[in-house]
Amino acid sequence: MYTKRQMAVLYVAATLTVAFAGAATWLEIKPPAPPLERYGQLPPFALTNQDGGRVTLDDLKGKVWLADFVYTTCPGPCPIISAHMGRLSRELPADARIVSFSTDPDNDTPAVLKAYAKRFGAGGNWTFLTGPKDKMYALIQHGFMLPIMAPAGAQIVHSTRIMLVDKSGAVRGLYDGTTSDPDAQILADIRRLQAE
């Protein structure tokens, strides 16, 4: 049987043990995550948005943004990607953006893109871009380093990737655009780049 004094000492010792264990967890130092890989720097571009305005790479500098590649008459994955981007657009941190590049710029005029944007609930943080086909394809193939083919009379074949671009215009992440599985990682990576 313990005396009152011994009970008090045991109580204090137990309390301190719990407190120190909690402090040790709280003070646990984790090594910083390695920086996101750099996949390449985008070249300068000047394209037209869904409102008929001019958008350049310089206009996007200082912002972190997601890029995707779709066309408005796509019978395949484009509506899935655009619905995915619509959901992401509502979860983006402040000042992050989405930029959708048309892979069928001959048909995707600003007016057509504006109707498509409305269909997917695009807000002020989501831009759709079109322009001369040779410039669009050069940017996709040589800037984003993604494949694209438009065989005569056949469906356009293009990547379903989402690309993450940092404040300087460098590609820093690649994700599957047809599923929401990577969304938590995408949002975390956006916040990391915003903090750089």
C-alpha atoms as a PDB file:
ATOM      1  CA  MET A   1       0.000   0.000   0.000  1.00  0.00           C
ATOM      2  CA  TYR A   2       1.364   3.408  -0.980  1.00  0.00           C
ATOM      3  CA  THR A   3       1.354   6.404   1.300  1.00  0.00           C
ATOM      4  CA  LYS A   4      -0.278   9.647   0.164  1.00  0.00           C
ATOM      5  CA  ARG A   5       3.164  11.101  -0.468  1.00  0.00           C
ATOM      6  CA  GLN A   6       4.215   8.107  -2.601  1.00  0.00           C
ATOM      7  CA  MET A   7       0.933   8.311  -4.542  1.00  0.00           C
ATOM      8  CA  ALA A   8       1.556  11.998  -5.217  1.00  0.00           C
ATOM      9  CA  VAL A   9       5.081  11.281  -6.480  1.00  0.00           C
ATOM     10  CA  LEU A  10       3.820   8.483  -8.748  1.00  0.00           C
ATOM     11  CA  TYR A  11       1.068  10.776 -10.128  1.00  0.00           C
ATOM     12  CA  VAL A  12       3.574  13.558 -10.908  1.00  0.00           C
ATOM     13  CA  ALA A  13       5.977  11.063 -12.519  1.00  0.00           C
ATOM     14  CA  ALA A  14       3.204   9.615 -14.704  1.00  0.00           C
ATOM     15  CA  THR A  15       2.017  13.095 -15.701  1.00  0.00           C
ATOM     16  CA  LEU A  16       5.551  14.169 -16.648  1.00  0.00           C
ATOM     17  CA  THR A  17       6.074  10.972 -18.660  1.00  0.00           C
ATOM     18  CA  VAL A  18       2.927  11.650 -20.687  1.00  0.00           C
ATOM     19  CA  ALA A  19       3.870  15.324 -21.108  1.00  0.00           C
ATOM     20  CA  PHE A  20       7.402  14.524 -22.295  1.00  0.00           C
ATOM     21  CA  ALA A  21       6.112  11.856 -24.678  1.00  0.00           C
ATOM     22  CA  GLY A  22       3.720  14.411 -26.180  1.00  0.00           C
ATOM     23  CA  ALA A  23       6.464  17.032 -26.408  1.00  0.00           C
ATOM     24  CA  ALA A  24       8.784  14.556 -28.114  1.00  0.00           C
ATOM     25  CA  THR A  25       6.127  13.902 -30.740  1.00  0.00           C
ATOM     26  CA  TRP A  26       5.453  17.606 -31.137  1.00  0.00           C
ATOM     27  CA  LEU A  27       9.160  18.404 -31.431  1.00  0.00           C
ATOM     28  CA  GLU A  28       9.850  15.585 -33.879  1.00  0.00           C
ATOM     29  CA  ILE A  29      11.849  17.059 -36.721  1.00  0.00           C
ATOM     30  CA  LYS A  30      11.039  15.776 -40.177  1.00  0.00           C
ATOM     31  CA  PRO A  31      13.469  16.293 -43.037  1.00  0.00           C
ATOM     32  CA  PRO A  32      12.138  18.641 -45.714  1.00  0.00           C
ATOM     33  CA  ALA A  33      10.573  17.003 -48.749  1.00  0.00           C
ATOM     34  CA  PRO A  34      12.852  17.095 -51.794  1.00  0.00           C
ATOM     35  CA  PRO A  35      11.939  19.817 -54.287  1.00  0.00           C
ATOM     36  CA  LEU A  36       9.618  18.865 -57.106  1.00  0.00           C
ATOM     37  CA  GLU A  37      11.446  17.746 -60.212  1.00  0.00           C
ATOM     38  CA  ARG A  38      11.894  20.184 -63.118  1.00  0.00           C
ATOM     39  CA  TYR A  39      10.792  18.625 -66.397  1.00  0.00           C
ATOM     40  CA  GLY A  40      11.628  21.603 -68.579  1.00  0.00           C
ATOM     41  CA  GLN A  41      11.015  25.290 -69.166  1.00  0.00           C
ATOM     42  CA  LEU A  42       8.129  26.406 -71.368  1.00  0.00           C
ATOM     43  CA  PRO A  43       9.047  28.634 -74.308  1.00  0.00           C
ATOM     44  CA  PRO A  44       7.342  32.015 -74.723  1.00  0.00           C
ATOM     45  CA  PHE A  45       3.893  31.852 -76.314  1.00  0.00           C
ATOM     46  CA  ALA A  46       1.077  34.208 -77.252  1.00  0.00           C
ATOM     47  CA  LEU A  47      -2.353  32.613 -77.723  1.00  0.00           C
ATOM     48  CA  THR A  48      -6.036  33.612 -77.657  1.00  0.00           C
ATOM     49  CA  ASN A  49      -8.405  32.894 -74.790  1.00  0.00           C
ATOM     50  CA  GLN A  50     -12.120  32.113 -74.823  1.00  0.00           C
ATOM     51  CA  ASP A  51     -12.931  35.831 -74.591  1.00  0.00           C
ATOM     52  CA  GLY A  52     -10.788  36.707 -77.601  1.00  0.00           C
ATOM     53  CA  GLY A  53      -8.036  38.205 -75.436  1.00  0.00           C
ATOM     54  CA  ARG A  54      -4.316  37.635 -75.860  1.00  0.00           C
ATOM     55  CA  VAL A  55      -2.578  35.480 -73.231  1.00  0.00           C
ATOM     56  CA  THR A  56       1.190  35.079 -73.046  1.00  0.00           C
ATOM     57  CA  LEU A  57       3.483  33.039 -70.852  1.00  0.00           C
ATOM     58  CA  ASP A  58       4.510  36.311 -69.198  1.00  0.00           C
ATOM     59  CA  ASP A  59       0.869  36.856 -68.162  1.00  0.00           C
ATOM     60  CA  LEU A  60       1.055  33.603 -66.207  1.00  0.00           C
ATOM     61  CA  LYS A  61       4.451  34.263 -64.615  1.00  0.00           C
ATOM     62  CA  GLY A  62       4.248  34.593 -60.854  1.00  0.00           C
ATOM     63  CA  LYS A  63       1.332  32.146 -60.692  1.00  0.00           C
ATOM     64  CA  VAL A  64       1.246  28.366 -60.243  1.00  0.00           C
ATOM     65  CA  TRP A  65      -1.035  26.721 -62.790  1.00  0.00           C
ATOM     66  CA  LEU A  66      -2.274  23.427 -64.149  1.00  0.00           C
ATOM     67  CA  ALA A  67      -2.275  22.737 -67.891  1.00  0.00           C
ATOM     68  CA  ASP A  68      -4.444  20.219 -69.704  1.00  0.00           C
ATOM     69  CA  PHE A  69      -5.045  19.414 -73.371  1.00  0.00           C
ATOM     70  CA  VAL A  70      -8.535  18.933 -74.814  1.00  0.00           C
ATOM     71  CA  TYR A  71     -10.726  19.662 -77.794  1.00  0.00           C
ATOM     72  CA  THR A  72     -14.403  20.495 -77.773  1.00  0.00           C
ATOM     73  CA  THR A  73     -15.648  17.760 -80.124  1.00  0.00           C
ATOM     74  CA  CYS A  74     -13.594  15.004 -78.510  1.00  0.00           C
ATOM     75  CA  PRO A  75     -15.605  11.767 -78.244  1.00  0.00           C
ATOM     76  CA  GLY A  76     -13.104  10.218 -75.852  1.00  0.00           C
ATOM     77  CA  PRO A  77     -11.372  11.381 -72.683  1.00  0.00           C
ATOM     78  CA  CYS A  78     -11.658  15.188 -73.049  1.00  0.00           C
ATOM     79  CA  PRO A  79     -15.037  15.534 -71.288  1.00  0.00           C
ATOM     80  CA  ILE A  80     -13.680  13.386 -68.448  1.00  0.00           C
ATOM     81  CA  ILE A  81     -10.577  15.581 -68.156  1.00  0.00           C
ATOM     82  CA  SER A  82     -12.625  18.788 -68.313  1.00  0.00           C
ATOM     83  CA  ALA A  83     -15.070  17.557 -65.650  1.00  0.00           C
ATOM     84  CA  HIS A  84     -12.047  16.677 -63.507  1.00  0.00           C
ATOM     85  CA  MET A  85     -10.567  20.139 -64.030  1.00  0.00           C
ATOM     86  CA  GLY A  86     -13.924  21.682 -63.174  1.00  0.00           C
ATOM     87  CA  ARG A  87     -13.882  19.932 -59.803  1.00  0.00           C
ATOM     88  CA  LEU A  88     -10.251  20.909 -59.214  1.00  0.00           C
ATOM     89  CA  SER A  89     -10.943  24.531 -60.135  1.00  0.00           C
ATOM     90  CA  ARG A  90     -13.225  24.806 -57.103  1.00  0.00           C
ATOM     91  CA  GLU A  91     -10.549  23.421 -54.764  1.00  0.00           C
ATOM     92  CA  LEU A  92      -7.524  25.365 -55.974  1.00  0.00           C
ATOM     93  CA  PRO A  93      -5.642  27.549 -53.510  1.00  0.00           C
ATOM     94  CA  ALA A  94      -6.057  31.273 -54.044  1.00  0.00           C
ATOM     95  CA  ASP A  95      -4.178  32.636 -57.071  1.00  0.00           C
ATOM     96  CA  ALA A  96      -3.637  29.197 -58.671  1.00  0.00           C
ATOM     97  CA  ARG A  97      -5.047  28.764 -62.168  1.00  0.00           C
ATOM     98  CA  ILE A  98      -5.998  26.193 -64.811  1.00  0.00           C
ATOM     99  CA  VAL A  99      -5.107  26.632 -68.472  1.00  0.00           C
ATOM    100  CA  SER A 100      -6.687  24.311 -71.048  1.00  0.00           C
ATOM    101  CA  PHE A 101      -4.964  24.157 -74.440  1.00  0.00           C
ATOM    102  CA  SER A 102      -7.015  23.197 -77.482  1.00  0.00           C
ATOM    103  CA  THR A 103      -5.655  20.310 -79.528  1.00  0.00           C
ATOM    104  CA  ASP A 104      -8.054  21.200 -82.364  1.00  0.00           C
ATOM    105  CA  PRO A 105      -7.400  24.928 -82.796  1.00  0.00           C
ATOM    106  CA  ASP A 106      -8.757  24.966 -86.364  1.00  0.00           C
ATOM    107  CA  ASN A 107     -12.246  24.339 -84.977  1.00  0.00           C
ATOM    108  CA  ASP A 108     -11.941  25.548 -81.393  1.00  0.00           C
ATOM    109  CA  THR A 109     -12.498  29.272 -81.910  1.00  0.00           C
ATOM    110  CA  PRO A 110     -12.796  31.567 -78.893  1.00  0.00           C
ATOM    111  CA  ALA A 111     -16.612  31.432 -79.151  1.00  0.00           C
ATOM    112  CA  VAL A 112     -16.591  27.624 -79.268  1.00  0.00           C
ATOM    113  CA  LEU A 113     -14.216  27.487 -76.299  1.00  0.00           C
ATOM    114  CA  LYS A 114     -16.379  29.941 -74.366  1.00  0.00           C
ATOM    115  CA  ALA A 115     -19.423  27.676 -74.778  1.00  0.00           C
ATOM    116  CA  TYR A 116     -17.328  24.662 -73.780  1.00  0.00           C
ATOM    117  CA  ALA A 117     -16.002  26.506 -70.707  1.00  0.00           C
ATOM    118  CA  LYS A 118     -19.555  27.334 -69.648  1.00  0.00           C
ATOM    119  CA  ARG A 119     -20.560  23.686 -70.062  1.00  0.00           C
ATOM    120  CA  PHE A 120     -17.953  22.688 -67.465  1.00  0.00           C
ATOM    121  CA  GLY A 121     -18.575  25.582 -65.085  1.00  0.00           C
ATOM    122  CA  ALA A 122     -15.276  27.374 -65.697  1.00  0.00           C
ATOM    123  CA  GLY A 123     -14.784  30.306 -63.356  1.00  0.00           C
ATOM    124  CA  GLY A 124     -12.328  33.165 -63.324  1.00  0.00           C
ATOM    125  CA  ASN A 125      -9.394  30.915 -62.477  1.00  0.00           C
ATOM    126  CA  TRP A 126      -9.763  28.767 -65.634  1.00  0.00           C
ATOM    127  CA  THR A 127      -8.616  29.878 -69.096  1.00  0.00           C
ATOM    128  CA  PHE A 128      -9.011  28.108 -72.437  1.00  0.00           C
ATOM    129  CA  LEU A 129      -6.451  28.854 -75.147  1.00  0.00           C
ATOM    130  CA  THR A 130      -6.379  28.460 -78.919  1.00  0.00           C
ATOM    131  CA  GLY A 131      -4.230  29.780 -81.735  1.00  0.00           C
ATOM    132  CA  PRO A 132      -2.550  28.793 -84.991  1.00  0.00           C
ATOM    133  CA  LYS A 133      -2.250  25.017 -85.198  1.00  0.00           C
ATOM    134  CA  ASP A 134       1.495  25.029 -85.849  1.00  0.00           C
ATOM    135  CA  LYS A 135       2.112  27.138 -82.726  1.00  0.00           C
ATOM    136  CA  MET A 136      -0.233  25.083 -80.566  1.00  0.00           C
ATOM    137  CA  TYR A 137       1.315  21.797 -81.630  1.00  0.00           C
ATOM    138  CA  ALA A 138       4.882  23.104 -81.280  1.00  0.00           C
ATOM    139  CA  LEU A 139       4.105  24.222 -77.725  1.00  0.00           C
ATOM    140  CA  ILE A 140       2.514  20.890 -76.819  1.00  0.00           C
ATOM    141  CA  GLN A 141       5.257  18.772 -78.421  1.00  0.00           C
ATOM    142  CA  HIS A 142       8.368  20.825 -77.673  1.00  0.00           C
ATOM    143  CA  GLY A 143       7.313  22.867 -74.657  1.00  0.00           C
ATOM    144  CA  PHE A 144       5.258  20.371 -72.665  1.00  0.00           C
ATOM    145  CA  MET A 145       7.057  17.435 -74.333  1.00  0.00           C
ATOM    146  CA  LEU A 146       3.811  15.570 -74.982  1.00  0.00           C
ATOM    147  CA  PRO A 147       2.770  13.575 -78.056  1.00  0.00           C
ATOM    148  CA  ILE A 148      -0.005  14.788 -80.331  1.00  0.00           C
ATOM    149  CA  MET A 149      -1.207  13.483 -83.693  1.00  0.00           C
ATOM    150  CA  ALA A 150      -3.980  14.697 -85.961  1.00  0.00           C
ATOM    151  CA  PRO A 151      -4.230  12.227 -88.852  1.00  0.00           C
ATOM    152  CA  ALA A 152      -6.417  13.452 -91.718  1.00  0.00           C
ATOM    153  CA  GLY A 153      -9.992  12.262 -91.232  1.00  0.00           C
ATOM    154  CA  ALA A 154      -9.173  10.554 -87.919  1.00  0.00           C
ATOM    155  CA  GLN A 155      -9.618  11.378 -84.272  1.00  0.00           C
ATOM    156  CA  ILE A 156      -6.952  13.624 -82.699  1.00  0.00           C
ATOM    157  CA  VAL A 157      -4.643  11.656 -80.435  1.00  0.00           C
ATOM    158  CA  HIS A 158      -3.182  13.600 -77.520  1.00  0.00           C
ATOM    159  CA  SER A 159      -2.013  13.178 -73.949  1.00  0.00           C
ATOM    160  CA  THR A 160      -4.454  12.942 -71.049  1.00  0.00           C
ATOM    161  CA  ARG A 161      -1.843  14.269 -68.624  1.00  0.00           C
ATOM    162  CA  ILE A 162      -2.285  17.280 -66.377  1.00  0.00           C
ATOM    163  CA  MET A 163       0.916  19.305 -66.068  1.00  0.00           C
ATOM    164  CA  LEU A 164       1.846  21.497 -63.101  1.00  0.00           C
ATOM    165  CA  VAL A 165       3.680  24.705 -64.006  1.00  0.00           C
ATOM    166  CA  ASP A 166       5.525  26.885 -61.503  1.00  0.00           C
ATOM    167  CA  LYS A 167       5.778  30.665 -61.193  1.00  0.00           C
ATOM    168  CA  SER A 168       8.688  30.823 -63.640  1.00  0.00           C
ATOM    169  CA  GLY A 169       6.989  28.752 -66.355  1.00  0.00           C
ATOM    170  CA  ALA A 170       8.800  25.473 -65.613  1.00  0.00           C
ATOM    171  CA  VAL A 171       6.894  22.166 -65.705  1.00  0.00           C
ATOM    172  CA  ARG A 172       7.147  20.612 -62.236  1.00  0.00           C
ATOM    173  CA  GLY A 173       4.561  17.832 -62.127  1.00  0.00           C
ATOM    174  CA  LEU A 174       2.681  15.309 -64.279  1.00  0.00           C
ATOM    175  CA  TYR A 175      -0.571  13.622 -63.264  1.00  0.00           C
ATOM    176  CA  ASP A 176      -3.311  11.469 -64.758  1.00  0.00           C
ATOM    177  CA  GLY A 177      -6.091  13.790 -65.910  1.00  0.00           C
ATOM    178  CA  THR A 178      -8.792  11.131 -66.212  1.00  0.00           C
ATOM    179  CA  THR A 179      -9.108  10.332 -62.500  1.00  0.00           C
ATOM    180  CA  SER A 180      -9.398  12.260 -59.248  1.00  0.00           C
ATOM    181  CA  ASP A 181      -6.956   9.869 -57.542  1.00  0.00           C
ATOM    182  CA  PRO A 182      -4.006  12.318 -57.690  1.00  0.00           C
ATOM    183  CA  ASP A 183      -6.014  15.377 -56.568  1.00  0.00           C
ATOM    184  CA  ALA A 184      -4.701  15.493 -52.998  1.00  0.00           C
ATOM    185  CA  GLN A 185      -1.145  15.304 -54.316  1.00  0.00           C
ATOM    186  CA  ILE A 186      -1.854  17.943 -56.982  1.00  0.00           C
ATOM    187  CA  LEU A 187      -3.224  20.392 -54.415  1.00  0.00           C
ATOM    188  CA  ALA A 188      -0.315  19.715 -52.035  1.00  0.00           C
ATOM    189  CA  ASP A 189       2.208  20.252 -54.853  1.00  0.00           C
ATOM    190  CA  ILE A 190       0.519  23.516 -55.855  1.00  0.00           C
ATOM    191  CA  ARG A 191       0.853  24.807 -52.290  1.00  0.00           C
ATOM    192  CA  ARG A 192       4.520  23.776 -52.203  1.00  0.00           C
ATOM    193  CA  LEU A 193       5.245  25.684 -55.413  1.00  0.00           C
ATOM    194  CA  GLN A 194       3.316  28.715 -54.188  1.00  0.00           C
ATOM    195  CA  ALA A 195       5.558  28.750 -51.112  1.00  0.00           C
ATOM    196  CA  GLU A 196       8.793  28.653 -53.157  1.00  0.00           C
END
